[in-house]
């Protein structure tokens, strides 16, 4: 693949909101995000950054499960 770019960012506060904010600024064609797939009660209590990004991102999101 040519011209593939990756970016590492440091976010304070809500990870999901911070990632979506970066996506809105940079407007990438696609975002790749990982998930540990906790599921169940742990997911309800902790939330899911990947789910938040998928629901709120203006760009396509590919979720890679651990």
PDB file of N, CA and C in Angstrom:
ATOM      1  N   UNK A   1       0.826  -1.177   0.000  1.00  0.00           N
ATOM      2  CA  UNK A   1       0.000   0.000   0.000  1.00  0.00           C
ATOM      3  C   UNK A   1       0.872   1.243   0.000  1.00  0.00           C
ATOM      4  N   UNK A   2       0.433   2.217  -0.728  1.00  0.00           N
ATOM      5  CA  UNK A   2       1.148   3.485  -0.758  1.00  0.00           C
ATOM      6  C   UNK A   2       0.405   4.530   0.047  1.00  0.00           C
ATOM      7  N   UNK A   3       1.146   5.467   0.555  1.00  0.00           N
ATOM      8  CA  UNK A   3       0.582   6.630   1.242  1.00  0.00           C
ATOM      9  C   UNK A   3      -0.309   6.294   2.430  1.00  0.00           C
ATOM     10  N   UNK A   4      -0.004   5.219   3.142  1.00  0.00           N
ATOM     11  CA  UNK A   4      -0.739   4.900   4.363  1.00  0.00           C
ATOM     12  C   UNK A   4      -0.082   5.663   5.499  1.00  0.00           C
ATOM     13  N   UNK A   5      -0.883   6.399   6.244  1.00  0.00           N
ATOM     14  CA  UNK A   5      -0.359   7.190   7.346  1.00  0.00           C
ATOM     15  C   UNK A   5      -0.962   6.717   8.654  1.00  0.00           C
ATOM     16  N   UNK A   6      -0.168   6.744   9.696  1.00  0.00           N
ATOM     17  CA  UNK A   6      -0.647   6.407  11.038  1.00  0.00           C
ATOM     18  C   UNK A   6      -0.343   7.587  11.948  1.00  0.00           C
ATOM     19  N   UNK A   7      -1.169   7.745  12.973  1.00  0.00           N
ATOM     20  CA  UNK A   7      -0.987   8.856  13.896  1.00  0.00           C
ATOM     21  C   UNK A   7      -1.211   8.356  15.312  1.00  0.00           C
ATOM     22  N   UNK A   8      -0.324   8.727  16.203  1.00  0.00           N
ATOM     23  CA  UNK A   8      -0.481   8.424  17.621  1.00  0.00           C
ATOM     24  C   UNK A   8      -0.825   9.715  18.333  1.00  0.00           C
ATOM     25  N   UNK A   9      -1.863   9.671  19.176  1.00  0.00           N
ATOM     26  CA  UNK A   9      -2.276  10.875  19.892  1.00  0.00           C
ATOM     27  C   UNK A   9      -2.401  10.559  21.376  1.00  0.00           C
ATOM     28  N   UNK A  10      -2.197  11.563  22.196  1.00  0.00           N
ATOM     29  CA  UNK A  10      -2.378  11.455  23.643  1.00  0.00           C
ATOM     30  C   UNK A  10      -3.621  12.254  24.001  1.00  0.00           C
ATOM     31  N   UNK A  11      -4.575  11.602  24.658  1.00  0.00           N
ATOM     32  CA  UNK A  11      -5.853  12.238  24.963  1.00  0.00           C
ATOM     33  C   UNK A  11      -6.062  12.270  26.466  1.00  0.00           C
ATOM     34  N   UNK A  12      -6.445  13.425  26.974  1.00  0.00           N
ATOM     35  CA  UNK A  12      -6.837  13.550  28.370  1.00  0.00           C
ATOM     36  C   UNK A  12      -8.351  13.607  28.410  1.00  0.00           C
ATOM     37  N   UNK A  13      -8.950  12.951  29.386  1.00  0.00           N
ATOM     38  CA  UNK A  13     -10.407  12.952  29.500  1.00  0.00           C
ATOM     39  C   UNK A  13     -10.999  11.761  28.778  1.00  0.00           C
ATOM     40  N   UNK A  14     -12.149  11.952  28.179  1.00  0.00           N
ATOM     41  CA  UNK A  14     -12.861  10.876  27.500  1.00  0.00           C
ATOM     42  C   UNK A  14     -12.119  10.433  26.241  1.00  0.00           C
ATOM     43  N   UNK A  15     -11.711   9.168  26.210  1.00  0.00           N
ATOM     44  CA  UNK A  15     -10.970   8.662  25.054  1.00  0.00           C
ATOM     45  C   UNK A  15     -11.818   8.700  23.791  1.00  0.00           C
ATOM     46  N   UNK A  16     -13.058   8.240  23.890  1.00  0.00           N
ATOM     47  CA  UNK A  16     -13.929   8.204  22.714  1.00  0.00           C
ATOM     48  C   UNK A  16     -14.145   9.579  22.117  1.00  0.00           C
ATOM     49  N   UNK A  17     -14.487  10.541  22.960  1.00  0.00           N
ATOM     50  CA  UNK A  17     -14.727  11.908  22.486  1.00  0.00           C
ATOM     51  C   UNK A  17     -13.457  12.520  21.904  1.00  0.00           C
ATOM     52  N   UNK A  18     -12.321  12.238  22.525  1.00  0.00           N
ATOM     53  CA  UNK A  18     -11.050  12.758  22.022  1.00  0.00           C
ATOM     54  C   UNK A  18     -10.693  12.185  20.668  1.00  0.00           C
ATOM     55  N   UNK A  19     -10.908  10.892  20.492  1.00  0.00           N
ATOM     56  CA  UNK A  19     -10.616  10.248  19.207  1.00  0.00           C
ATOM     57  C   UNK A  19     -11.530  10.808  18.128  1.00  0.00           C
ATOM     58  N   UNK A  20     -12.823  10.935  18.430  1.00  0.00           N
ATOM     59  CA  UNK A  20     -13.772  11.469  17.443  1.00  0.00           C
ATOM     60  C   UNK A  20     -13.409  12.910  17.086  1.00  0.00           C
ATOM     61  N   UNK A  21     -12.974  13.687  18.067  1.00  0.00           N
ATOM     62  CA  UNK A  21     -12.552  15.062  17.792  1.00  0.00           C
ATOM     63  C   UNK A  21     -11.377  15.095  16.820  1.00  0.00           C
ATOM     64  N   UNK A  22     -10.401  14.214  17.030  1.00  0.00           N
ATOM     65  CA  UNK A  22      -9.257  14.125  16.107  1.00  0.00           C
ATOM     66  C   UNK A  22      -9.706  13.706  14.706  1.00  0.00           C
ATOM     67  N   UNK A  23     -10.644  12.758  14.644  1.00  0.00           N
ATOM     68  CA  UNK A  23     -11.165  12.305  13.355  1.00  0.00           C
ATOM     69  C   UNK A  23     -11.852  13.468  12.636  1.00  0.00           C
ATOM     70  N   UNK A  24     -12.631  14.247  13.357  1.00  0.00           N
ATOM     71  CA  UNK A  24     -13.320  15.389  12.756  1.00  0.00           C
ATOM     72  C   UNK A  24     -12.326  16.413  12.218  1.00  0.00           C
ATOM     73  N   UNK A  25     -11.206  16.607  12.916  1.00  0.00           N
ATOM     74  CA  UNK A  25     -10.191  17.566  12.473  1.00  0.00           C
ATOM     75  C   UNK A  25      -9.421  17.064  11.253  1.00  0.00           C
ATOM     76  N   UNK A  26      -8.975  15.795  11.304  1.00  0.00           N
ATOM     77  CA  UNK A  26      -8.113  15.251  10.255  1.00  0.00           C
ATOM     78  C   UNK A  26      -8.876  14.720   9.051  1.00  0.00           C
ATOM     79  N   UNK A  27     -10.121  14.334   9.226  1.00  0.00           N
ATOM     80  CA  UNK A  27     -10.979  13.782   8.177  1.00  0.00           C
ATOM     81  C   UNK A  27     -10.314  12.636   7.392  1.00  0.00           C
ATOM     82  N   UNK A  28      -9.880  11.578   8.087  1.00  0.00           N
ATOM     83  CA  UNK A  28      -9.271  10.444   7.379  1.00  0.00           C
ATOM     84  C   UNK A  28     -10.334   9.643   6.622  1.00  0.00           C
ATOM     85  N   UNK A  29      -9.894   8.873   5.628  1.00  0.00           N
ATOM     86  CA  UNK A  29     -10.814   8.014   4.882  1.00  0.00           C
ATOM     87  C   UNK A  29     -11.286   6.851   5.744  1.00  0.00           C
ATOM     88  N   UNK A  30     -10.391   6.354   6.612  1.00  0.00           N
ATOM     89  CA  UNK A  30     -10.733   5.227   7.471  1.00  0.00           C
ATOM     90  C   UNK A  30      -9.945   5.306   8.769  1.00  0.00           C
ATOM     91  N   UNK A  31     -10.576   4.824   9.830  1.00  0.00           N
ATOM     92  CA  UNK A  31      -9.946   4.744  11.147  1.00  0.00           C
ATOM     93  C   UNK A  31      -9.929   3.275  11.553  1.00  0.00           C
ATOM     94  N   UNK A  32      -8.814   2.811  12.084  1.00  0.00           N
ATOM     95  CA  UNK A  32      -8.723   1.445  12.601  1.00  0.00           C
ATOM     96  C   UNK A  32      -8.578   1.547  14.110  1.00  0.00           C
ATOM     97  N   UNK A  33      -9.454   0.842  14.832  1.00  0.00           N
ATOM     98  CA  UNK A  33      -9.434   0.882  16.294  1.00  0.00           C
ATOM     99  C   UNK A  33      -9.557  -0.544  16.824  1.00  0.00           C
ATOM    100  N   UNK A  34      -8.885  -0.829  17.905  1.00  0.00           N
ATOM    101  CA  UNK A  34      -8.931  -2.164  18.498  1.00  0.00           C
ATOM    102  C   UNK A  34      -9.921  -2.225  19.650  1.00  0.00           C
ATOM    103  N   UNK A  35     -10.346  -3.437  19.960  1.00  0.00           N
ATOM    104  CA  UNK A  35     -11.219  -3.662  21.094  1.00  0.00           C
ATOM    105  C   UNK A  35     -10.828  -4.978  21.755  1.00  0.00           C
ATOM    106  N   UNK A  36     -11.001  -5.033  23.066  1.00  0.00           N
ATOM    107  CA  UNK A  36     -10.692  -6.264  23.788  1.00  0.00           C
ATOM    108  C   UNK A  36     -11.902  -7.166  23.901  1.00  0.00           C
ATOM    109  N   UNK A  37     -13.062  -6.678  23.537  1.00  0.00           N
ATOM    110  CA  UNK A  37     -14.265  -7.504  23.559  1.00  0.00           C
ATOM    111  C   UNK A  37     -14.654  -7.973  24.947  1.00  0.00           C
ATOM    112  N   UNK A  38     -14.683  -7.066  25.923  1.00  0.00           N
ATOM    113  CA  UNK A  38     -14.997  -7.444  27.296  1.00  0.00           C
ATOM    114  C   UNK A  38     -16.418  -7.980  27.432  1.00  0.00           C
ATOM    115  N   UNK A  39     -17.375  -7.278  26.850  1.00  0.00           N
ATOM    116  CA  UNK A  39     -18.762  -7.734  26.866  1.00  0.00           C
ATOM    117  C   UNK A  39     -19.397  -7.720  28.242  1.00  0.00           C
ATOM    118  N   UNK A  40     -20.690  -8.036  28.279  1.00  0.00           N
ATOM    119  CA  UNK A  40     -21.437  -8.183  29.526  1.00  0.00           C
ATOM    120  C   UNK A  40     -21.434  -6.961  30.416  1.00  0.00           C
ATOM    121  N   UNK A  41     -21.429  -7.209  31.714  1.00  0.00           N
ATOM    122  CA  UNK A  41     -21.526  -6.139  32.707  1.00  0.00           C
ATOM    123  C   UNK A  41     -20.301  -5.232  32.666  1.00  0.00           C
ATOM    124  N   UNK A  42     -19.113  -5.776  32.443  1.00  0.00           N
ATOM    125  CA  UNK A  42     -17.908  -4.940  32.398  1.00  0.00           C
ATOM    126  C   UNK A  42     -18.036  -3.874  31.323  1.00  0.00           C
ATOM    127  N   UNK A  43     -18.612  -4.246  30.176  1.00  0.00           N
ATOM    128  CA  UNK A  43     -18.771  -3.270  29.099  1.00  0.00           C
ATOM    129  C   UNK A  43     -19.790  -2.202  29.484  1.00  0.00           C
ATOM    130  N   UNK A  44     -20.870  -2.603  30.156  1.00  0.00           N
ATOM    131  CA  UNK A  44     -21.889  -1.642  30.568  1.00  0.00           C
ATOM    132  C   UNK A  44     -21.326  -0.656  31.573  1.00  0.00           C
ATOM    133  N   UNK A  45     -20.502  -1.121  32.487  1.00  0.00           N
ATOM    134  CA  UNK A  45     -19.935  -0.264  33.524  1.00  0.00           C
ATOM    135  C   UNK A  45     -18.826   0.619  32.953  1.00  0.00           C
ATOM    136  N   UNK A  46     -17.933   0.024  32.181  1.00  0.00           N
ATOM    137  CA  UNK A  46     -16.784   0.754  31.662  1.00  0.00           C
ATOM    138  C   UNK A  46     -17.082   1.498  30.373  1.00  0.00           C
ATOM    139  N   UNK A  47     -18.113   1.103  29.635  1.00  0.00           N
ATOM    140  CA  UNK A  47     -18.372   1.685  28.329  1.00  0.00           C
ATOM    141  C   UNK A  47     -17.459   1.068  27.291  1.00  0.00           C
ATOM    142  N   UNK A  48     -17.611   1.450  26.081  1.00  0.00           N
ATOM    143  CA  UNK A  48     -16.773   0.924  25.018  1.00  0.00           C
ATOM    144  C   UNK A  48     -16.314   2.069  24.131  1.00  0.00           C
ATOM    145  N   UNK A  49     -15.028   2.325  24.138  1.00  0.00           N
ATOM    146  CA  UNK A  49     -14.467   3.384  23.308  1.00  0.00           C
ATOM    147  C   UNK A  49     -14.719   3.076  21.837  1.00  0.00           C
ATOM    148  N   UNK A  50     -14.491   1.839  21.439  1.00  0.00           N
ATOM    149  CA  UNK A  50     -14.691   1.470  20.035  1.00  0.00           C
ATOM    150  C   UNK A  50     -16.144   1.693  19.617  1.00  0.00           C
ATOM    151  N   UNK A  51     -17.097   1.299  20.462  1.00  0.00           N
ATOM    152  CA  UNK A  51     -18.515   1.491  20.144  1.00  0.00           C
ATOM    153  C   UNK A  51     -18.843   2.971  20.025  1.00  0.00           C
ATOM    154  N   UNK A  52     -18.276   3.792  20.900  1.00  0.00           N
ATOM    155  CA  UNK A  52     -18.502   5.239  20.843  1.00  0.00           C
ATOM    156  C   UNK A  52     -17.966   5.814  19.533  1.00  0.00           C
ATOM    157  N   UNK A  53     -16.759   5.399  19.167  1.00  0.00           N
ATOM    158  CA  UNK A  53     -16.141   5.914  17.942  1.00  0.00           C
ATOM    159  C   UNK A  53     -16.955   5.482  16.718  1.00  0.00           C
ATOM    160  N   UNK A  54     -17.379   4.225  16.675  1.00  0.00           N
ATOM    161  CA  UNK A  54     -18.189   3.742  15.551  1.00  0.00           C
ATOM    162  C   UNK A  54     -19.470   4.564  15.430  1.00  0.00           C
ATOM    163  N   UNK A  55     -20.126   4.838  16.555  1.00  0.00           N
ATOM    164  CA  UNK A  55     -21.406   5.544  16.537  1.00  0.00           C
ATOM    165  C   UNK A  55     -21.273   7.034  16.211  1.00  0.00           C
ATOM    166  N   UNK A  56     -20.119   7.628  16.508  1.00  0.00           N
ATOM    167  CA  UNK A  56     -19.986   9.082  16.392  1.00  0.00           C
ATOM    168  C   UNK A  56     -18.987   9.574  15.351  1.00  0.00           C
ATOM    169  N   UNK A  57     -18.257   8.686  14.719  1.00  0.00           N
ATOM    170  CA  UNK A  57     -17.242   9.092  13.758  1.00  0.00           C
ATOM    171  C   UNK A  57     -17.856   9.457  12.407  1.00  0.00           C
ATOM    172  N   UNK A  58     -17.400  10.569  11.819  1.00  0.00           N
ATOM    173  CA  UNK A  58     -17.846  10.907  10.474  1.00  0.00           C
ATOM    174  C   UNK A  58     -17.114  10.086   9.398  1.00  0.00           C
ATOM    175  N   UNK A  59     -16.049   9.379   9.792  1.00  0.00           N
ATOM    176  CA  UNK A  59     -15.276   8.543   8.863  1.00  0.00           C
ATOM    177  C   UNK A  59     -15.612   7.079   9.069  1.00  0.00           C
ATOM    178  N   UNK A  60     -15.264   6.253   8.099  1.00  0.00           N
ATOM    179  CA  UNK A  60     -15.424   4.799   8.239  1.00  0.00           C
ATOM    180  C   UNK A  60     -14.506   4.301   9.345  1.00  0.00           C
ATOM    181  N   UNK A  61     -15.001   3.331  10.132  1.00  0.00           N
ATOM    182  CA  UNK A  61     -14.220   2.785  11.241  1.00  0.00           C
ATOM    183  C   UNK A  61     -14.141   1.260  11.085  1.00  0.00           C
ATOM    184  N   UNK A  62     -12.926   0.734  11.138  1.00  0.00           N
ATOM    185  CA  UNK A  62     -12.698  -0.716  11.125  1.00  0.00           C
ATOM    186  C   UNK A  62     -12.314  -1.099  12.542  1.00  0.00           C
ATOM    187  N   UNK A  63     -13.067  -2.046  13.136  1.00  0.00           N
ATOM    188  CA  UNK A  63     -12.790  -2.475  14.502  1.00  0.00           C
ATOM    189  C   UNK A  63     -12.104  -3.836  14.456  1.00  0.00           C
ATOM    190  N   UNK A  64     -10.898  -3.909  15.045  1.00  0.00           N
ATOM    191  CA  UNK A  64     -10.139  -5.156  15.106  1.00  0.00           C
ATOM    192  C   UNK A  64     -10.281  -5.720  16.517  1.00  0.00           C
ATOM    193  N   UNK A  65     -10.861  -6.929  16.623  1.00  0.00           N
ATOM    194  CA  UNK A  65     -11.061  -7.549  17.925  1.00  0.00           C
ATOM    195  C   UNK A  65      -9.801  -8.289  18.349  1.00  0.00           C
ATOM    196  N   UNK A  66      -9.447  -8.131  19.629  1.00  0.00           N
ATOM    197  CA  UNK A  66      -8.266  -8.788  20.207  1.00  0.00           C
ATOM    198  C   UNK A  66      -8.496 -10.276  20.297  1.00  0.00           C
TER     199      UNK A  66
END
